[in-house]
Amino acid sequence: MASRSFLLTHTFKDVSKLEEGGSYYSDIYVRHDIPWKIRVFKKDGFLGANLHCEKKECSETKKWSFQTKFTLKLVAVGGKFFQRTVQHEFQKPEGHGMDKFISWENMQRDYVEEDSIIIEIHADIVSSSGVFEEKCLPYLPADSGKSFVLKHTFKKLSRYSEGEYQYSDVEVHYNIPWKIELQKENGSFGFHLPHVSEDRTKTGVVEREAKLIAANGKFHSVPKRRWKLNSTSGRAFLIYCNGIEKDYLINDSIDVEVRVKIIEIKDVPCTLKSFDLSHTIKNLSSIKEGGNIFTGIQTRFNIPWRMKIEKQNGFLGLYLHREKKIEIDFQLKLVSPNGKSLSIERCSGYGWDMFLRWDVLEEDYIVNDTIVLEARVWIRKMTGVEGDVEKFPGFVIPVGDREYSMEKWLEMAFDH
């Protein structure tokens, strides 16, 4: 199975009141139809942190388990962070993590702000048994072992508005997420193949070929083209219909097939500073036409950020607001508690007026009147605060019961 990823983030308050042996718990968050929560605790002079699975045990004849790899991350508002990675197989409701995640002294010195700490957990369910129903993804053999086929039926084309986007479900092939994008532009339809850039560590060259397919077997194809996949973002052009889509429409729907061949893929490090935001929006049914909801402010790199949703002209608008002039790339993501998600990435502006049709949001994403918003941000340039940014050491290396900046750790290593 393709790995199922999710992000949890929680701000724990009144840290100074946490006594030896005491614990704080986050709210319960549902990801991929599984309830989770975060626990932090004080033990033997250390801060401990656990990821708790709250899925109920089944009967003896219906066992479940899933192998999970997750990163515990302690984040300072200035951008500094400390993280450790853990693997665990969950087979019952339980918590797992690190009893000695970071010394209490170092946590207080470097990560406490207004008596609060921020904990993030980046998790991947890498394998499972008895949990998820496996979906058979459309796949056709091609010329290479590194080839695959994406297929999707785009429906209700007659109601599309100018500038509106629609997407196929994301499929993971060769550890890279892919999807097909449709956009209505100049009265017709264009199709693209976006690179769903999650961690910005992939570059390479891919070859793609696209087809529009009618129910009677008739098809329109575009010759093979190569596309340079970069580590930032981008999308490859597939087809611009220019009116020909009417020959392939059946019941107001159109079938699209994209054959992709990976010519070359390389892993490259991402040098940009980045961070994640997450917020659960409740009582969505209370939002009326023209109404909006702002999330609470979250501070990263000493800059306040918040997300906003609005209901406008039958669409969900989704935005990322920041108060200082900086140059960023960002990805906004809508996550349903049932595991379904939709993400779009851009390098300018604040968001999208037509992120998703509201009726599709209600049908496919909202569960118990709740939805989760996530943002991933890459900082390219900070105008007027560059000097401040250089003070943040970022990643910290644990050595025994102490932590060192990457620079100090390298210095110590070469001294030996």
Protein backbone atom coordinates (compact mmCIF):
# COMPACT_ATOMS: atom_id res chain seq x y z
CA MET A 1 0.00 0.00 0.00
CA ALA A 2 1.07 3.61 -0.51
CA SER A 3 1.93 5.27 2.78
CA ARG A 4 -0.78 7.36 4.43
CA SER A 5 0.62 10.58 5.88
CA PHE A 6 -0.80 13.00 8.37
CA LEU A 7 0.19 15.94 10.55
CA LEU A 8 -0.85 16.71 14.13
CA THR A 9 0.04 19.93 15.90
CA HIS A 10 -0.96 21.16 19.34
CA THR A 11 -0.02 24.01 21.66
CA PHE A 12 0.32 22.86 25.28
CA LYS A 13 -0.23 25.68 27.78
CA ASP A 14 0.71 26.13 31.46
CA VAL A 15 3.89 24.10 31.05
CA SER A 16 5.28 25.45 34.34
CA LYS A 17 2.38 23.77 36.17
CA LEU A 18 3.23 20.31 34.84
CA GLU A 19 4.52 18.37 37.84
CA GLU A 20 6.90 15.40 37.94
CA GLY A 21 4.96 12.37 36.72
CA GLY A 22 2.15 14.53 35.34
CA SER A 23 0.78 14.58 31.78
CA TYR A 24 -1.07 16.84 29.38
CA TYR A 25 -3.13 15.52 26.46
CA SER A 26 -4.15 17.22 23.24
CA ASP A 27 -7.62 17.02 21.77
CA ILE A 28 -8.41 13.91 19.75
CA TYR A 29 -7.75 14.35 16.02
CA VAL A 30 -9.17 11.94 13.45
CA ARG A 31 -6.88 11.12 10.52
CA HIS A 32 -7.64 8.37 7.97
CA ASP A 33 -10.67 7.42 10.10
CA ILE A 34 -8.37 6.72 13.07
CA PRO A 35 -8.50 8.84 16.27
CA TRP A 36 -5.14 10.15 17.56
CA LYS A 37 -3.92 12.42 20.31
CA ILE A 38 -0.60 13.75 21.60
CA ARG A 39 0.61 13.30 25.17
CA VAL A 40 3.44 15.24 26.82
CA PHE A 41 4.71 14.47 30.31
CA LYS A 42 7.47 15.31 32.79
CA LYS A 43 9.64 12.44 33.97
CA ASP A 44 13.09 12.34 35.60
CA GLY A 45 13.97 15.86 34.47
CA PHE A 46 12.92 15.31 30.86
CA LEU A 47 10.01 16.18 28.65
CA GLY A 48 8.44 13.02 27.23
CA ALA A 49 6.20 12.95 24.17
CA ASN A 50 3.96 10.20 22.80
CA LEU A 51 1.67 9.64 19.85
CA HIS A 52 -1.50 7.92 21.08
CA CYS A 53 -3.69 5.75 18.86
CA GLU A 54 -7.26 5.67 20.16
CA LYS A 55 -8.67 3.09 17.74
CA LYS A 56 -10.79 0.55 19.59
CA GLU A 57 -9.69 -3.07 19.77
CA CYS A 58 -11.58 -5.53 17.61
CA SER A 59 -12.64 -9.07 18.44
CA GLU A 60 -10.19 -11.95 18.37
CA THR A 61 -11.24 -12.74 14.80
CA LYS A 62 -10.75 -9.16 13.59
CA LYS A 63 -7.25 -8.10 14.53
CA TRP A 64 -5.72 -4.92 13.17
CA SER A 65 -2.24 -3.42 13.14
CA PHE A 66 -0.31 -0.74 11.33
CA GLN A 67 3.37 0.04 11.16
CA THR A 68 3.92 3.74 11.73
CA LYS A 69 6.96 5.96 11.36
CA PHE A 70 6.58 9.35 12.98
CA THR A 71 8.69 12.37 13.84
CA LEU A 72 8.17 14.15 17.16
CA LYS A 73 8.95 17.84 16.68
CA LEU A 74 9.24 20.57 19.32
CA VAL A 75 8.92 23.98 17.64
CA ALA A 76 9.92 27.41 18.94
CA VAL A 77 8.06 30.48 17.70
CA GLY A 78 11.37 31.76 16.34
CA GLY A 79 11.71 28.81 13.98
CA LYS A 80 14.16 26.69 15.95
CA PHE A 81 13.09 23.09 16.32
CA PHE A 82 14.16 19.81 17.86
CA GLN A 83 13.02 16.48 16.48
CA ARG A 84 13.45 12.74 16.79
CA THR A 85 11.99 9.93 14.71
CA VAL A 86 10.30 6.81 16.07
CA GLN A 87 8.87 3.64 14.52
CA HIS A 88 6.14 1.59 16.15
CA GLU A 89 3.54 -1.00 15.24
CA PHE A 90 0.18 -0.10 16.78
CA GLN A 91 -2.02 -3.13 17.55
CA LYS A 92 -4.27 -1.70 20.27
CA PRO A 93 -5.19 1.65 21.84
CA GLU A 94 -1.87 2.85 23.23
CA GLY A 95 0.75 5.56 23.17
CA HIS A 96 4.33 5.36 21.99
CA GLY A 97 7.17 7.83 21.65
CA MET A 98 10.10 8.95 23.80
CA ASP A 99 10.25 9.18 27.60
CA LYS A 100 13.36 11.36 27.35
CA PHE A 101 12.55 13.49 24.34
CA ILE A 102 14.45 16.59 25.53
CA SER A 103 15.79 17.73 28.90
CA TRP A 104 13.35 19.88 30.83
CA GLU A 105 16.01 22.55 31.29
CA ASN A 106 16.73 22.85 27.57
CA MET A 107 13.03 22.87 26.76
CA GLN A 108 12.42 25.75 29.16
CA ARG A 109 15.41 27.70 27.88
CA ASP A 110 14.84 27.37 24.12
CA TYR A 111 11.24 26.42 23.39
CA VAL A 112 8.83 27.83 25.98
CA GLU A 113 6.96 30.97 24.94
CA GLU A 114 4.34 32.50 27.25
CA ASP A 115 4.39 29.27 29.29
CA SER A 116 3.45 27.23 26.20
CA ILE A 117 5.15 24.76 23.85
CA ILE A 118 4.24 23.63 20.34
CA ILE A 119 4.43 19.92 19.47
CA GLU A 120 4.10 18.65 15.91
CA ILE A 121 3.92 15.02 14.84
CA HIS A 122 4.59 14.13 11.21
CA ALA A 123 3.44 10.54 10.72
CA ASP A 124 3.40 7.93 7.96
CA ILE A 125 1.39 4.72 8.15
CA VAL A 126 3.72 2.63 6.00
CA SER A 127 1.88 -0.72 6.18
CA SER A 128 -1.26 -2.10 7.73
CA SER A 129 -3.39 -5.18 8.27
CA GLY A 130 -7.12 -5.24 8.92
CA VAL A 131 -7.43 -1.45 8.88
CA PHE A 132 -7.89 -0.04 5.40
CA GLU A 133 -9.70 -1.41 2.40
CA GLU A 134 -7.18 -1.51 -0.40
CA LYS A 135 -8.28 0.30 -3.55
CA CYS A 136 -7.09 -1.11 -6.84
CA LEU A 137 -5.49 1.84 -8.61
CA PRO A 138 -5.74 1.99 -12.39
CA TYR A 139 -2.45 0.72 -13.74
CA LEU A 140 -1.40 -0.41 -17.18
CA PRO A 141 2.04 -1.77 -18.03
CA ALA A 142 4.19 0.46 -20.22
CA ASP A 143 7.63 0.31 -21.77
CA SER A 144 9.59 0.82 -18.56
CA GLY A 145 9.54 -0.55 -15.04
CA LYS A 146 9.23 3.09 -13.98
CA SER A 147 6.00 3.82 -15.81
CA PHE A 148 2.43 4.19 -14.67
CA VAL A 149 -0.98 5.37 -15.85
CA LEU A 150 -3.33 7.88 -14.24
CA LYS A 151 -7.03 7.83 -15.15
CA HIS A 152 -9.86 10.07 -14.04
CA THR A 153 -13.42 10.94 -15.05
CA PHE A 154 -14.19 14.64 -14.62
CA LYS A 155 -17.95 15.11 -14.12
CA LYS A 156 -20.52 17.93 -14.40
CA LEU A 157 -18.39 19.96 -16.81
CA SER A 158 -21.30 22.17 -17.82
CA ARG A 159 -21.36 23.87 -14.42
CA TYR A 160 -17.66 24.78 -14.33
CA SER A 161 -16.94 28.49 -13.86
CA GLU A 162 -14.21 30.38 -15.66
CA GLY A 163 -10.94 29.90 -13.79
CA GLU A 164 -12.23 26.96 -11.76
CA TYR A 165 -9.91 24.03 -11.04
CA GLN A 166 -10.78 20.38 -10.44
CA TYR A 167 -8.43 17.54 -9.53
CA SER A 168 -8.25 13.80 -9.63
CA ASP A 169 -7.43 11.94 -6.44
CA VAL A 170 -3.74 11.86 -5.57
CA GLU A 171 -1.90 8.63 -6.37
CA VAL A 172 1.58 7.81 -5.12
CA HIS A 173 3.94 6.20 -7.63
CA TYR A 174 7.65 5.69 -6.92
CA ASN A 175 7.29 7.68 -3.69
CA ILE A 176 6.02 10.76 -5.55
CA PRO A 177 2.40 12.01 -5.36
CA TRP A 178 0.68 12.72 -8.70
CA LYS A 179 -2.70 14.03 -9.82
CA ILE A 180 -4.45 15.34 -12.95
CA GLU A 181 -5.60 18.96 -12.96
CA LEU A 182 -8.45 20.43 -15.03
CA GLN A 183 -8.92 24.17 -15.44
CA LYS A 184 -11.60 26.06 -17.34
CA GLU A 185 -9.92 28.87 -19.23
CA ASN A 186 -11.12 31.06 -22.11
CA GLY A 187 -14.34 29.09 -22.30
CA SER A 188 -12.68 25.71 -22.83
CA PHE A 189 -10.73 23.20 -20.76
CA GLY A 190 -7.04 22.65 -20.14
CA PHE A 191 -5.44 19.65 -18.48
CA HIS A 192 -2.16 19.64 -16.57
CA LEU A 193 -0.02 17.23 -14.57
CA PRO A 194 1.06 19.01 -11.36
CA HIS A 195 3.97 17.79 -9.31
CA VAL A 196 2.51 17.55 -5.81
CA SER A 197 5.54 18.89 -3.99
CA GLU A 198 5.38 17.68 -0.39
CA ASP A 199 8.99 17.74 0.80
CA ARG A 200 10.82 19.38 -2.14
CA THR A 201 13.50 16.72 -2.38
CA LYS A 202 12.90 15.38 -5.90
CA THR A 203 14.24 16.52 -9.26
CA GLY A 204 14.34 14.69 -12.54
CA VAL A 205 12.88 14.21 -16.00
CA VAL A 206 9.55 12.59 -16.85
CA GLU A 207 7.85 11.80 -20.14
CA ARG A 208 4.08 12.15 -20.40
CA GLU A 209 1.39 11.34 -22.96
CA ALA A 210 -2.27 12.32 -22.53
CA LYS A 211 -5.56 11.15 -24.07
CA LEU A 212 -9.18 12.21 -24.06
CA ILE A 213 -11.29 9.06 -24.36
CA ALA A 214 -14.93 8.72 -25.46
CA ALA A 215 -17.21 5.85 -24.44
CA ASN A 216 -17.29 4.56 -28.04
CA GLY A 217 -13.52 4.13 -28.05
CA LYS A 218 -12.73 7.32 -29.93
CA PHE A 219 -9.80 9.21 -28.46
CA HIS A 220 -7.70 12.33 -28.94
CA SER A 221 -4.05 12.07 -27.93
CA VAL A 222 -1.15 14.45 -27.55
CA PRO A 223 2.34 13.26 -28.55
CA LYS A 224 4.84 12.33 -25.87
CA ARG A 225 6.66 15.26 -24.30
CA ARG A 226 9.40 15.46 -21.71
CA TRP A 227 9.15 17.62 -18.63
CA LYS A 228 11.86 18.65 -16.20
CA LEU A 229 10.62 17.96 -12.70
CA ASN A 230 12.11 20.46 -10.24
CA SER A 231 12.23 20.38 -6.48
CA THR A 232 10.04 23.44 -5.99
CA SER A 233 6.76 23.25 -7.84
CA GLY A 234 5.23 23.37 -11.26
CA ARG A 235 2.95 21.54 -13.64
CA ALA A 236 3.30 19.98 -17.05
CA PHE A 237 0.90 20.94 -19.83
CA LEU A 238 -1.14 18.02 -21.16
CA ILE A 239 -4.01 19.10 -23.43
CA TYR A 240 -5.86 22.32 -24.25
CA CYS A 241 -9.20 21.28 -25.69
CA ASN A 242 -10.08 24.49 -27.58
CA GLY A 243 -13.63 23.27 -28.06
CA ILE A 244 -12.95 19.65 -29.06
CA GLU A 245 -14.10 18.36 -25.67
CA LYS A 246 -17.69 18.30 -26.98
CA ASP A 247 -16.74 15.29 -29.13
CA TYR A 248 -15.71 13.29 -26.06
CA LEU A 249 -18.34 14.29 -23.51
CA ILE A 250 -20.67 11.55 -22.28
CA ASN A 251 -23.35 12.49 -19.73
CA ASP A 252 -21.54 15.77 -19.08
CA SER A 253 -18.35 13.87 -18.19
CA ILE A 254 -14.99 13.35 -19.85
CA ASP A 255 -12.39 10.60 -19.34
CA VAL A 256 -8.70 11.52 -19.24
CA GLU A 257 -5.76 9.13 -19.28
CA VAL A 258 -2.13 10.14 -18.67
CA ARG A 259 0.78 7.79 -19.21
CA VAL A 260 3.90 8.81 -17.31
CA LYS A 261 7.40 7.42 -17.72
CA ILE A 262 10.12 8.40 -15.26
CA ILE A 263 13.35 8.99 -17.14
CA GLU A 264 15.40 10.17 -14.17
CA ILE A 265 14.76 11.02 -10.53
CA LYS A 266 17.24 12.41 -8.02
CA ASP A 267 17.01 13.27 -4.34
CA VAL A 268 18.21 16.77 -3.50
CA PRO A 269 18.25 18.57 -0.14
CA CYS A 270 15.80 21.42 0.37
CA THR A 271 17.72 24.47 1.64
CA LEU A 272 14.70 26.70 2.29
CA LYS A 273 13.42 27.28 5.81
CA SER A 274 10.00 25.68 6.17
CA PHE A 275 7.26 25.00 8.69
CA ASP A 276 3.75 23.56 8.98
CA LEU A 277 0.49 24.90 10.36
CA SER A 278 -2.63 22.93 11.21
CA HIS A 279 -6.05 23.90 12.50
CA THR A 280 -9.35 22.07 12.96
CA ILE A 281 -12.43 24.05 11.89
CA LYS A 282 -15.67 23.04 13.60
CA ASN A 283 -19.32 24.02 13.08
CA LEU A 284 -18.89 24.54 9.33
CA SER A 285 -22.66 24.48 8.87
CA SER A 286 -22.80 27.82 10.69
CA ILE A 287 -20.99 29.60 7.84
CA LYS A 288 -23.48 31.46 5.66
CA GLU A 289 -22.96 32.72 2.12
CA GLY A 290 -20.41 35.55 2.30
CA GLY A 291 -19.26 34.49 5.75
CA ASN A 292 -15.75 33.54 6.85
CA ILE A 293 -13.75 32.04 9.69
CA PHE A 294 -10.18 32.90 10.73
CA THR A 295 -8.01 30.40 12.58
CA GLY A 296 -6.06 31.47 15.63
CA ILE A 297 -2.71 33.16 15.08
CA GLN A 298 0.32 30.84 15.10
CA THR A 299 3.82 32.33 15.27
CA ARG A 300 6.68 30.89 13.24
CA PHE A 301 10.06 32.58 12.74
CA ASN A 302 8.71 35.41 14.93
CA ILE A 303 6.03 36.13 12.33
CA PRO A 304 2.30 35.68 13.01
CA TRP A 305 0.37 33.50 10.55
CA ARG A 306 -3.24 32.45 10.28
CA MET A 307 -5.52 30.76 7.78
CA LYS A 308 -8.93 31.85 6.60
CA ILE A 309 -11.86 30.12 4.94
CA GLU A 310 -14.86 31.79 3.34
CA LYS A 311 -18.05 30.77 1.57
CA GLN A 312 -18.50 32.83 -1.57
CA ASN A 313 -20.66 32.17 -4.64
CA GLY A 314 -20.96 28.48 -3.80
CA PHE A 315 -17.20 27.98 -3.39
CA LEU A 316 -14.83 27.44 -0.50
CA GLY A 317 -12.14 30.13 -0.46
CA LEU A 318 -8.94 29.23 1.38
CA TYR A 319 -6.18 31.69 2.28
CA LEU A 320 -2.94 32.07 4.24
CA HIS A 321 -2.47 35.48 5.88
CA ARG A 322 0.84 36.88 7.13
CA GLU A 323 1.62 40.30 8.51
CA LYS A 324 5.16 40.91 7.30
CA LYS A 325 6.42 41.30 3.77
CA ILE A 326 8.18 38.06 2.92
CA GLU A 327 8.55 35.95 -0.20
CA ILE A 328 7.22 32.44 0.22
CA ASP A 329 6.00 29.38 -1.58
CA PHE A 330 3.13 27.69 0.18
CA GLN A 331 0.81 24.75 -0.04
CA LEU A 332 -2.69 24.81 1.42
CA LYS A 333 -4.32 21.50 2.19
CA LEU A 334 -7.83 20.47 3.07
CA VAL A 335 -7.94 17.24 5.10
CA SER A 336 -11.04 15.24 5.93
CA PRO A 337 -11.11 13.10 9.08
CA ASN A 338 -11.87 10.21 6.68
CA GLY A 339 -8.39 10.63 5.15
CA LYS A 340 -9.38 12.29 1.86
CA SER A 341 -7.35 15.43 1.13
CA LEU A 342 -6.89 18.15 -1.49
CA SER A 343 -3.80 20.35 -1.72
CA ILE A 344 -2.80 23.20 -4.04
CA GLU A 345 0.54 24.99 -4.15
CA ARG A 346 1.50 28.46 -5.29
CA CYS A 347 4.30 31.02 -4.99
CA SER A 348 2.36 34.30 -4.91
CA GLY A 349 -0.78 35.83 -3.50
CA TYR A 350 -2.65 34.66 -0.44
CA GLY A 351 -4.78 31.75 -1.61
CA TRP A 352 -7.71 30.72 -3.79
CA ASP A 353 -11.20 32.18 -4.13
CA MET A 354 -12.41 28.93 -5.73
CA PHE A 355 -10.44 26.28 -3.85
CA LEU A 356 -13.34 23.80 -3.95
CA ARG A 357 -17.08 23.83 -4.60
CA TRP A 358 -18.97 24.03 -1.32
CA ASP A 359 -21.30 21.14 -2.18
CA VAL A 360 -18.27 18.92 -2.95
CA LEU A 361 -16.77 19.99 0.39
CA GLU A 362 -19.95 18.91 2.17
CA GLU A 363 -20.24 15.63 0.28
CA ASP A 364 -16.61 14.43 0.30
CA TYR A 365 -14.71 16.16 3.11
CA ILE A 366 -16.84 17.30 6.04
CA VAL A 367 -17.31 14.74 8.83
CA ASN A 368 -19.27 15.66 11.97
CA ASP A 369 -19.35 19.28 10.77
CA THR A 370 -15.54 19.39 11.00
CA ILE A 371 -12.63 19.84 8.60
CA VAL A 372 -8.86 20.20 9.04
CA LEU A 373 -6.77 22.93 7.37
CA GLU A 374 -3.04 22.52 6.89
CA ALA A 375 -0.38 24.80 5.44
CA ARG A 376 3.19 24.06 4.49
CA VAL A 377 5.34 27.15 3.96
CA TRP A 378 8.79 27.56 2.38
CA ILE A 379 10.49 30.91 3.05
CA ARG A 380 12.44 32.29 0.07
CA LYS A 381 13.20 35.80 1.34
CA MET A 382 12.36 37.89 4.40
CA THR A 383 12.53 41.62 3.71
CA GLY A 384 13.72 43.70 6.65
CA VAL A 385 14.21 40.75 9.00
CA GLU A 386 17.08 38.89 7.35
CA GLY A 387 19.36 39.57 10.30
CA ASP A 388 16.87 38.03 12.70
CA VAL A 389 16.46 34.91 10.59
CA GLU A 390 20.17 34.10 10.72
CA LYS A 391 19.95 33.77 14.51
CA PHE A 392 17.72 30.72 14.30
CA PRO A 393 19.85 27.57 14.22
CA GLY A 394 17.00 25.32 13.07
CA PHE A 395 17.77 21.63 13.44
CA VAL A 396 19.32 20.38 16.69
CA ILE A 397 21.41 17.21 17.10
CA PRO A 398 20.88 15.19 20.33
CA VAL A 399 24.08 13.89 21.97
CA GLY A 400 23.45 12.11 25.26
CA ASP A 401 21.30 14.39 27.37
CA ARG A 402 22.39 17.56 25.54
CA GLU A 403 21.45 19.10 22.19
CA TYR A 404 23.74 20.91 19.75
CA SER A 405 23.15 23.04 16.68
CA MET A 406 24.11 21.47 13.36
CA GLU A 407 27.07 23.85 13.10
CA LYS A 408 28.36 22.99 16.59
CA TRP A 409 27.88 19.25 16.00
CA LEU A 410 29.91 19.39 12.78
CA GLU A 411 32.61 21.38 14.54
CA MET A 412 32.83 18.75 17.30
CA ALA A 413 32.86 15.90 14.77
CA PHE A 414 35.76 17.32 12.80
CA ASP A 415 37.70 18.09 16.00
CA HIS A 416 37.77 14.32 16.57
